Amino acid sequence: MTDAIALADPPVARRGAEPVVITAAAVSSAFGRGVAPLLSAALEGTPGFETVRRFDVADRRVGVAATLPGSPTLGDELDQVIHEACDEAGLSSGRRAQCPLYLAVHGDPDLPRTQGAEANEHSAAAFARSVAKRAGLSTEAARAYTSACVAASTAVADAAAAVARGRVSSVVIAAGYLVDPDQFALFDAGRALAPDGRVRPFSARRGGLLLGDGVGALVVESTSSAQRRGAKILARLAGWGRAGDAYHVCRPRPDGAGLARAITAAMQRAAIRPEAIDYVNAHGSGTEHSDAAEAAALHLALGESAATMPVSSTKSVHGQALEAGALIELIVTVHALRAGRLPVNAGYLGPDEACRLNLVLETGQERPIDYALSINSAFGGANTALLVGAP
């Protein structure tokens, strides 16, 4: 059995840090608006993949994705979830004006239709400021994150660090991706999409990923800020970690060392050991090399606990939402923790020796969850780990 990466003995939380909590979450996905339908699909293992109707896929190798009905626009969807999250957190207009927006997106959707100097007005940063302005949030402190599958989780980690250090009392993190013809064509041409129309994380005969719509917003703030106005605390953001391995431009490092370091950093920050974690929402893209490397990372970081810890990837139902994916998965993780139920690793066909994990394969599994881990990796070797705890 592989030993876990060495932790401080005993692990020690960062002294003087303000405890960080999550006070609101809002989401839109292929299952509709709101957390409830998305969580239900994840807990029941019900995939949302259907033939794409938003654009023509007749000439594509694969023609399915998990999409919202109709023709939604990213700006409108972001406006909706941000307002819902701010309302749930009870942020007044005055508080919102002081609150930064950290936005994870692929870019301004209007950029491809602009030319010359006008393109400067459609940068990701400009798009973040315009979204913040419409939401009544601080435009001066708005940030844009475009770092692929770890964009949203990096935004969450940055927000948590800023709150913990007392630099700001609250941050709104938002993220959005709507399946578009350009990205769809790119993944299809690269033969990354699953030809059988199902995402099968960590499973034998897994065939690849599938894209999915995802737009979400989260309010992260200090415990003292939340308590002063009586806000409901959904969960504690107990730890976060980031690490890079720079192994290959798109393939993960096979031994998972970079992701293992991120997981270990999150546990050290939370001052817990692997056995305290009750559930892992894995990156689990459903691709051969990525899933195997992630399984290796879990064994490296968690040691003996990796053999028994419940693991699933909710991408198996909602798909890969690129820059927004990590936020959608964190929202599912938080609400699974609150429900005390484990999301299902859907699409499973059988064991793969390279992915020796305790996968959640049956619906309706109930379990008290004190700590849950949500992990993500991206092209270029970027890795993140977010650890949430019961309030």
Protein backbone atom coordinates (compact mmCIF):
# COMPACT_ATOMS: atom_id res chain seq x y z
CA MET A 1 0.00 0.00 0.00
CA THR A 2 1.35 3.42 -0.96
CA ASP A 3 2.04 5.66 2.02
CA ALA A 4 0.36 9.04 2.16
CA ILE A 5 2.44 12.13 1.54
CA ALA A 6 3.89 13.22 4.87
CA LEU A 7 1.75 15.67 6.82
CA ALA A 8 2.77 17.88 9.72
CA ASP A 9 2.53 15.83 12.93
CA PRO A 10 0.02 16.79 14.14
CA PRO A 11 -1.33 18.93 11.27
CA VAL A 12 -1.76 22.54 12.31
CA ALA A 13 -4.26 25.03 10.89
CA ARG A 14 -2.97 28.45 9.88
CA ARG A 15 -2.79 30.59 13.01
CA GLY A 16 -4.63 33.88 13.01
CA ALA A 17 -6.64 33.03 9.92
CA GLU A 18 -10.29 34.03 9.79
CA PRO A 19 -12.52 30.95 9.36
CA VAL A 20 -14.06 30.88 5.88
CA VAL A 21 -17.64 29.79 5.15
CA ILE A 22 -20.02 29.42 2.22
CA THR A 23 -23.34 31.20 2.69
CA ALA A 24 -25.01 30.80 -0.70
CA ALA A 25 -24.96 28.75 -3.88
CA ALA A 26 -26.96 29.05 -7.09
CA VAL A 27 -26.70 27.06 -10.29
CA SER A 28 -28.15 26.39 -13.75
CA SER A 29 -27.45 23.12 -15.52
CA ALA A 30 -28.93 20.75 -18.06
CA PHE A 31 -31.36 19.70 -15.33
CA GLY A 32 -32.79 23.21 -14.98
CA ARG A 33 -32.39 26.13 -12.63
CA GLY A 34 -31.53 25.63 -9.00
CA VAL A 35 -29.48 23.23 -6.90
CA ALA A 36 -32.30 20.74 -6.26
CA PRO A 37 -32.63 19.21 -9.77
CA LEU A 38 -28.86 19.01 -10.23
CA LEU A 39 -28.34 17.41 -6.82
CA SER A 40 -31.16 14.93 -7.46
CA ALA A 41 -29.57 13.87 -10.75
CA ALA A 42 -26.18 13.43 -9.06
CA LEU A 43 -27.60 11.40 -6.18
CA GLU A 44 -29.64 9.17 -8.50
CA GLY A 45 -26.95 8.87 -11.17
CA THR A 46 -29.22 10.20 -13.91
CA PRO A 47 -27.19 11.57 -16.86
CA GLY A 48 -28.35 14.66 -18.72
CA PHE A 49 -26.75 13.87 -22.09
CA GLU A 50 -28.89 14.31 -25.19
CA THR A 51 -28.44 15.18 -28.84
CA VAL A 52 -27.28 18.78 -29.21
CA ARG A 53 -29.90 21.02 -30.81
CA ARG A 54 -28.25 24.37 -30.18
CA PHE A 55 -26.11 24.03 -33.30
CA ASP A 56 -25.61 21.52 -36.11
CA VAL A 57 -23.73 18.36 -35.10
CA ALA A 58 -24.62 16.28 -38.15
CA ASP A 59 -20.99 16.14 -39.30
CA ARG A 60 -19.53 15.46 -35.87
CA ARG A 61 -18.19 12.14 -34.65
CA VAL A 62 -20.17 12.62 -31.41
CA GLY A 63 -23.36 14.66 -31.22
CA VAL A 64 -24.40 14.72 -27.57
CA ALA A 65 -23.88 17.00 -24.57
CA ALA A 66 -25.72 18.02 -21.39
CA THR A 67 -27.37 21.30 -22.32
CA LEU A 68 -30.00 23.70 -21.08
CA PRO A 69 -33.08 23.91 -23.30
CA GLY A 70 -33.43 26.71 -25.82
CA SER A 71 -30.74 29.25 -26.61
CA PRO A 72 -29.50 30.71 -23.32
CA THR A 73 -26.92 33.49 -23.24
CA LEU A 74 -24.02 33.39 -20.83
CA GLY A 75 -24.48 36.96 -19.60
CA ASP A 76 -28.14 36.41 -18.73
CA GLU A 77 -27.43 33.12 -16.98
CA LEU A 78 -24.62 34.65 -14.94
CA ASP A 79 -26.83 37.59 -13.95
CA GLN A 80 -29.49 35.16 -12.76
CA VAL A 81 -27.29 32.95 -10.57
CA ILE A 82 -25.35 35.87 -9.09
CA HIS A 83 -28.53 37.64 -8.02
CA GLU A 84 -29.91 34.39 -6.58
CA ALA A 85 -26.72 33.77 -4.60
CA CYS A 86 -26.53 37.33 -3.28
CA ASP A 87 -30.18 37.18 -2.22
CA GLU A 88 -29.70 33.82 -0.51
CA ALA A 89 -26.69 35.17 1.39
CA GLY A 90 -28.65 38.26 2.41
CA LEU A 91 -26.16 40.70 0.90
CA SER A 92 -27.63 44.20 0.90
CA SER A 93 -26.99 46.58 -1.98
CA GLY A 94 -24.42 48.37 0.17
CA ARG A 95 -22.56 45.14 0.92
CA ARG A 96 -22.68 44.09 -2.72
CA ALA A 97 -21.05 47.36 -3.76
CA GLN A 98 -18.03 46.47 -1.60
CA CYS A 99 -17.93 42.83 -2.64
CA PRO A 100 -15.53 41.65 -5.38
CA LEU A 101 -16.58 39.31 -8.18
CA TYR A 102 -14.20 36.51 -9.14
CA LEU A 103 -15.46 35.19 -12.48
CA ALA A 104 -14.31 31.98 -14.20
CA VAL A 105 -15.15 31.92 -17.91
CA HIS A 106 -13.64 30.87 -21.22
CA GLY A 107 -13.92 34.51 -22.30
CA ASP A 108 -16.42 37.09 -23.47
CA PRO A 109 -18.83 35.28 -25.82
CA ASP A 110 -18.94 38.39 -28.03
CA LEU A 111 -15.17 38.45 -28.66
CA PRO A 112 -15.23 36.24 -31.80
CA ARG A 113 -17.58 38.74 -33.44
CA THR A 114 -15.38 41.80 -32.82
CA GLN A 115 -12.44 43.17 -34.78
CA GLY A 116 -9.47 45.45 -34.29
CA ALA A 117 -9.31 47.80 -31.32
CA GLU A 118 -12.86 46.94 -30.37
CA ALA A 119 -11.59 43.54 -29.19
CA ASN A 120 -10.00 45.25 -26.15
CA GLU A 121 -13.47 46.01 -24.89
CA HIS A 122 -14.29 42.29 -24.90
CA SER A 123 -11.43 40.84 -22.92
CA ALA A 124 -12.21 38.39 -20.13
CA ALA A 125 -11.38 41.10 -17.59
CA ALA A 126 -13.74 43.58 -19.25
CA PHE A 127 -16.46 40.93 -19.33
CA ALA A 128 -15.98 40.33 -15.59
CA ARG A 129 -16.32 44.04 -14.88
CA SER A 130 -19.52 44.29 -16.92
CA VAL A 131 -21.05 41.31 -15.10
CA ALA A 132 -20.04 42.82 -11.76
CA LYS A 133 -21.57 46.17 -12.70
CA ARG A 134 -24.91 44.62 -13.62
CA ALA A 135 -24.94 42.71 -10.33
CA GLY A 136 -24.14 45.78 -8.24
CA LEU A 137 -20.78 44.30 -7.19
CA SER A 138 -17.43 46.07 -7.04
CA THR A 139 -16.09 46.57 -10.56
CA GLU A 140 -12.67 47.76 -9.40
CA ALA A 141 -11.97 44.46 -7.63
CA ALA A 142 -13.45 42.17 -10.29
CA ARG A 143 -11.19 39.40 -11.54
CA ALA A 144 -11.38 37.01 -14.48
CA TYR A 145 -10.09 33.42 -14.40
CA THR A 146 -9.59 31.54 -17.66
CA SER A 147 -7.33 28.65 -16.58
CA ALA A 148 -9.41 25.83 -18.09
CA CYS A 149 -10.76 23.16 -15.72
CA VAL A 150 -9.22 24.73 -12.60
CA ALA A 151 -10.40 28.29 -13.34
CA ALA A 152 -13.32 28.23 -10.90
CA SER A 153 -11.52 26.29 -8.17
CA THR A 154 -8.57 28.69 -8.40
CA ALA A 155 -11.03 31.56 -7.98
CA VAL A 156 -12.50 29.88 -4.90
CA ALA A 157 -9.04 29.32 -3.42
CA ASP A 158 -8.06 32.95 -4.05
CA ALA A 159 -11.30 34.16 -2.49
CA ALA A 160 -10.84 31.93 0.55
CA ALA A 161 -7.27 33.16 1.01
CA ALA A 162 -8.34 36.80 0.80
CA VAL A 163 -11.10 36.26 3.35
CA ALA A 164 -8.88 34.22 5.69
CA ARG A 165 -6.26 36.96 5.70
CA GLY A 166 -8.85 39.65 6.43
CA ARG A 167 -8.37 41.48 3.13
CA VAL A 168 -12.08 41.30 2.35
CA SER A 169 -15.13 40.09 4.29
CA SER A 170 -16.98 38.44 1.39
CA VAL A 171 -16.45 37.48 -2.25
CA VAL A 172 -18.89 36.36 -4.94
CA ILE A 173 -17.42 33.63 -7.13
CA ALA A 174 -19.26 32.97 -10.38
CA ALA A 175 -18.49 30.72 -13.33
CA GLY A 176 -20.15 29.90 -16.59
CA TYR A 177 -19.82 27.77 -19.66
CA LEU A 178 -22.44 27.06 -22.31
CA VAL A 179 -21.65 24.38 -24.86
CA ASP A 180 -20.61 26.18 -28.05
CA PRO A 181 -19.87 24.97 -31.58
CA ASP A 182 -16.19 25.95 -31.57
CA GLN A 183 -15.21 24.12 -28.38
CA PHE A 184 -17.44 21.20 -29.32
CA ALA A 185 -15.72 20.89 -32.71
CA LEU A 186 -12.28 21.11 -31.07
CA PHE A 187 -12.95 18.29 -28.59
CA ASP A 188 -14.67 16.20 -31.25
CA ALA A 189 -11.80 16.59 -33.73
CA GLY A 190 -9.36 15.63 -30.98
CA ARG A 191 -11.37 12.43 -30.35
CA ALA A 192 -11.79 13.41 -26.71
CA LEU A 193 -15.59 12.98 -26.69
CA ALA A 194 -17.09 9.64 -25.66
CA PRO A 195 -18.44 7.95 -28.81
CA ASP A 196 -21.07 5.98 -26.88
CA GLY A 197 -22.61 9.16 -25.45
CA ARG A 198 -21.83 8.39 -21.80
CA VAL A 199 -19.17 9.57 -19.39
CA ARG A 200 -17.79 6.58 -17.45
CA PRO A 201 -15.27 7.84 -14.86
CA PHE A 202 -12.75 5.27 -13.57
CA SER A 203 -14.55 2.50 -15.44
CA ALA A 204 -13.25 -0.17 -17.74
CA ARG A 205 -13.95 0.69 -21.40
CA ARG A 206 -14.38 4.39 -20.65
CA GLY A 207 -14.33 6.32 -23.89
CA GLY A 208 -13.83 9.98 -23.04
CA LEU A 209 -15.55 13.11 -21.80
CA LEU A 210 -18.73 14.92 -22.79
CA LEU A 211 -19.37 18.65 -22.53
CA GLY A 212 -22.12 20.17 -20.42
CA ASP A 213 -23.67 23.53 -19.63
CA GLY A 214 -22.91 24.88 -16.18
CA VAL A 215 -23.41 28.33 -14.67
CA GLY A 216 -23.04 28.86 -10.95
CA ALA A 217 -22.38 31.36 -8.19
CA LEU A 218 -21.12 31.02 -4.65
CA VAL A 219 -20.76 33.49 -1.78
CA VAL A 220 -17.64 32.96 0.34
CA GLU A 221 -17.12 35.04 3.46
CA SER A 222 -15.69 35.17 6.93
CA THR A 223 -17.54 33.47 9.75
CA SER A 224 -17.72 36.75 11.66
CA SER A 225 -19.27 38.54 8.66
CA ALA A 226 -21.89 35.82 8.25
CA GLN A 227 -22.70 35.71 11.95
CA ARG A 228 -23.08 39.48 12.28
CA ARG A 229 -26.04 39.53 9.94
CA GLY A 230 -27.40 36.08 10.82
CA ALA A 231 -26.65 34.49 7.45
CA LYS A 232 -27.20 30.77 7.04
CA ILE A 233 -23.93 28.89 6.73
CA LEU A 234 -24.07 26.09 4.15
CA ALA A 235 -20.59 24.74 4.84
CA ARG A 236 -17.12 25.66 6.00
CA LEU A 237 -14.41 26.08 3.38
CA ALA A 238 -11.94 24.29 5.59
CA GLY A 239 -8.97 23.92 3.27
CA TRP A 240 -7.66 24.56 -0.20
CA GLY A 241 -4.54 23.59 -2.06
CA ARG A 242 -2.96 24.16 -5.46
CA ALA A 243 0.01 22.55 -7.18
CA GLY A 244 1.47 22.19 -10.65
CA ASP A 245 3.48 19.41 -12.23
CA ALA A 246 4.20 20.78 -15.75
CA TYR A 247 4.56 17.22 -17.01
CA HIS A 248 2.94 17.64 -20.43
CA VAL A 249 0.85 20.21 -22.28
CA CYS A 250 -2.27 18.04 -22.04
CA ARG A 251 -1.48 14.68 -20.46
CA PRO A 252 -1.41 14.41 -16.66
CA ARG A 253 1.64 13.19 -14.80
CA PRO A 254 1.00 9.43 -14.45
CA ASP A 255 1.86 9.18 -10.75
CA GLY A 256 -0.48 12.05 -9.84
CA ALA A 257 2.16 13.80 -7.72
CA GLY A 258 0.97 17.32 -8.48
CA LEU A 259 -2.66 16.61 -7.59
CA ALA A 260 -1.51 14.71 -4.49
CA ARG A 261 0.39 17.80 -3.32
CA ALA A 262 -2.73 19.94 -3.76
CA ILE A 263 -4.82 17.48 -1.74
CA THR A 264 -2.18 17.35 0.99
CA ALA A 265 -2.01 21.15 1.17
CA ALA A 266 -5.80 21.33 1.61
CA MET A 267 -5.68 18.77 4.44
CA GLN A 268 -2.82 20.59 6.13
CA ARG A 269 -4.66 23.89 5.97
CA ALA A 270 -7.74 22.24 7.52
CA ALA A 271 -5.56 20.39 10.08
CA ILE A 272 -7.14 17.02 9.35
CA ARG A 273 -5.84 13.60 8.34
CA PRO A 274 -7.06 11.49 5.41
CA GLU A 275 -9.33 9.32 7.56
CA ALA A 276 -11.42 12.39 8.46
CA ILE A 277 -12.59 12.80 4.85
CA ASP A 278 -15.93 11.11 4.15
CA TYR A 279 -16.35 11.65 0.40
CA VAL A 280 -14.38 12.74 -2.67
CA ASN A 281 -15.97 14.37 -5.71
CA ALA A 282 -13.22 13.54 -8.17
CA HIS A 283 -12.29 15.33 -11.36
CA GLY A 284 -13.13 12.06 -13.13
CA SER A 285 -13.27 13.20 -16.73
CA GLY A 286 -13.79 9.68 -18.07
CA THR A 287 -10.58 9.71 -20.13
CA GLU A 288 -8.06 6.88 -19.85
CA HIS A 289 -4.92 8.68 -18.73
CA SER A 290 -6.57 11.36 -16.59
CA ASP A 291 -8.62 8.91 -14.50
CA ALA A 292 -5.65 6.62 -13.91
CA ALA A 293 -3.42 9.52 -12.83
CA GLU A 294 -6.12 10.83 -10.50
CA ALA A 295 -6.55 7.42 -8.87
CA ALA A 296 -2.79 7.32 -8.31
CA ALA A 297 -2.92 10.80 -6.77
CA LEU A 298 -5.63 9.77 -4.31
CA HIS A 299 -3.60 6.78 -3.18
CA LEU A 300 -0.47 8.93 -2.88
CA ALA A 301 -2.19 11.66 -0.85
CA LEU A 302 -4.58 9.55 1.24
CA GLY A 303 -2.59 6.36 1.78
CA GLU A 304 -4.60 3.46 3.16
CA SER A 305 -7.75 5.60 3.37
CA ALA A 306 -7.93 5.71 -0.44
CA ALA A 307 -9.02 2.06 -0.57
CA THR A 308 -12.21 2.66 1.43
CA MET A 309 -13.07 6.31 0.90
CA PRO A 310 -16.26 6.81 -1.21
CA VAL A 311 -15.40 8.42 -4.54
CA SER A 312 -17.49 9.52 -7.51
CA SER A 313 -17.34 12.02 -10.34
CA THR A 314 -20.47 14.05 -10.88
CA LYS A 315 -19.27 14.80 -14.42
CA SER A 316 -20.87 11.42 -15.15
CA VAL A 317 -24.25 13.18 -15.02
CA HIS A 318 -23.68 16.90 -15.78
CA GLY A 319 -20.69 16.68 -18.10
CA GLN A 320 -17.54 18.75 -18.40
CA ALA A 321 -18.29 22.46 -18.01
CA LEU A 322 -14.68 23.52 -18.61
CA GLU A 323 -13.91 26.77 -16.72
CA ALA A 324 -17.15 26.46 -14.74
CA GLY A 325 -16.85 22.75 -13.96
CA ALA A 326 -15.06 23.02 -10.63
CA LEU A 327 -17.67 25.42 -9.24
CA ILE A 328 -20.58 23.24 -10.35
CA GLU A 329 -18.93 20.25 -8.70
CA LEU A 330 -18.20 22.17 -5.50
CA ILE A 331 -21.85 23.22 -5.27
CA VAL A 332 -22.96 19.60 -5.67
CA THR A 333 -20.39 18.54 -3.05
CA VAL A 334 -21.59 21.12 -0.51
CA HIS A 335 -25.22 20.10 -0.89
CA ALA A 336 -24.41 16.38 -0.85
CA LEU A 337 -22.63 17.03 2.46
CA ARG A 338 -25.70 18.80 3.78
CA ALA A 339 -28.01 16.00 2.58
CA GLY A 340 -25.79 13.25 3.96
CA ARG A 341 -26.04 11.32 0.70
CA LEU A 342 -23.39 10.23 -1.79
CA PRO A 343 -23.52 11.19 -5.50
CA VAL A 344 -23.33 8.21 -7.84
CA ASN A 345 -20.46 7.47 -10.21
CA ALA A 346 -22.75 6.88 -13.18
CA GLY A 347 -21.94 4.97 -16.39
CA TYR A 348 -19.81 2.33 -14.70
CA LEU A 349 -19.17 -0.84 -16.73
CA GLY A 350 -16.62 -2.68 -14.60
CA PRO A 351 -13.35 -2.34 -12.68
CA ASP A 352 -10.11 -1.03 -14.15
CA GLU A 353 -6.92 -2.12 -12.39
CA ALA A 354 -5.48 1.37 -12.91
CA CYS A 355 -8.36 2.94 -10.93
CA ARG A 356 -8.52 1.06 -7.63
CA LEU A 357 -11.05 3.22 -5.83
CA ASN A 358 -14.14 2.70 -3.69
CA LEU A 359 -16.57 4.06 -6.25
CA VAL A 360 -20.14 5.00 -5.31
CA LEU A 361 -22.17 2.76 -7.64
CA GLU A 362 -25.52 2.42 -5.87
CA THR A 363 -28.13 5.12 -5.40
CA GLY A 364 -29.54 6.13 -2.05
CA GLN A 365 -26.34 5.70 -0.03
CA GLU A 366 -26.70 7.76 3.13
CA ARG A 367 -23.71 8.71 5.23
CA PRO A 368 -22.89 11.50 7.68
CA ILE A 369 -20.38 13.72 5.90
CA ASP A 370 -18.16 15.88 8.09
CA TYR A 371 -15.59 16.61 5.39
CA ALA A 372 -15.80 16.29 1.61
CA LEU A 373 -13.09 16.89 -0.96
CA SER A 374 -13.60 18.31 -4.47
CA ILE A 375 -10.58 18.00 -6.78
CA ASN A 376 -9.78 19.18 -10.30
CA SER A 377 -6.98 19.09 -12.84
CA ALA A 378 -6.37 20.99 -16.06
CA PHE A 379 -4.19 20.91 -19.16
CA GLY A 380 -0.67 22.10 -18.43
CA GLY A 381 -0.47 20.31 -15.09
CA ALA A 382 -2.56 22.61 -12.88
CA ASN A 383 -4.25 20.91 -9.92
CA THR A 384 -6.59 22.11 -7.16
CA ALA A 385 -8.23 20.66 -4.07
CA LEU A 386 -11.09 22.23 -2.09
CA LEU A 387 -12.05 20.76 1.27
CA VAL A 388 -15.46 21.60 2.73
CA GLY A 389 -16.71 20.79 6.21
CA ALA A 390 -20.07 20.61 7.91
CA PRO A 391 -21.07 23.98 9.42
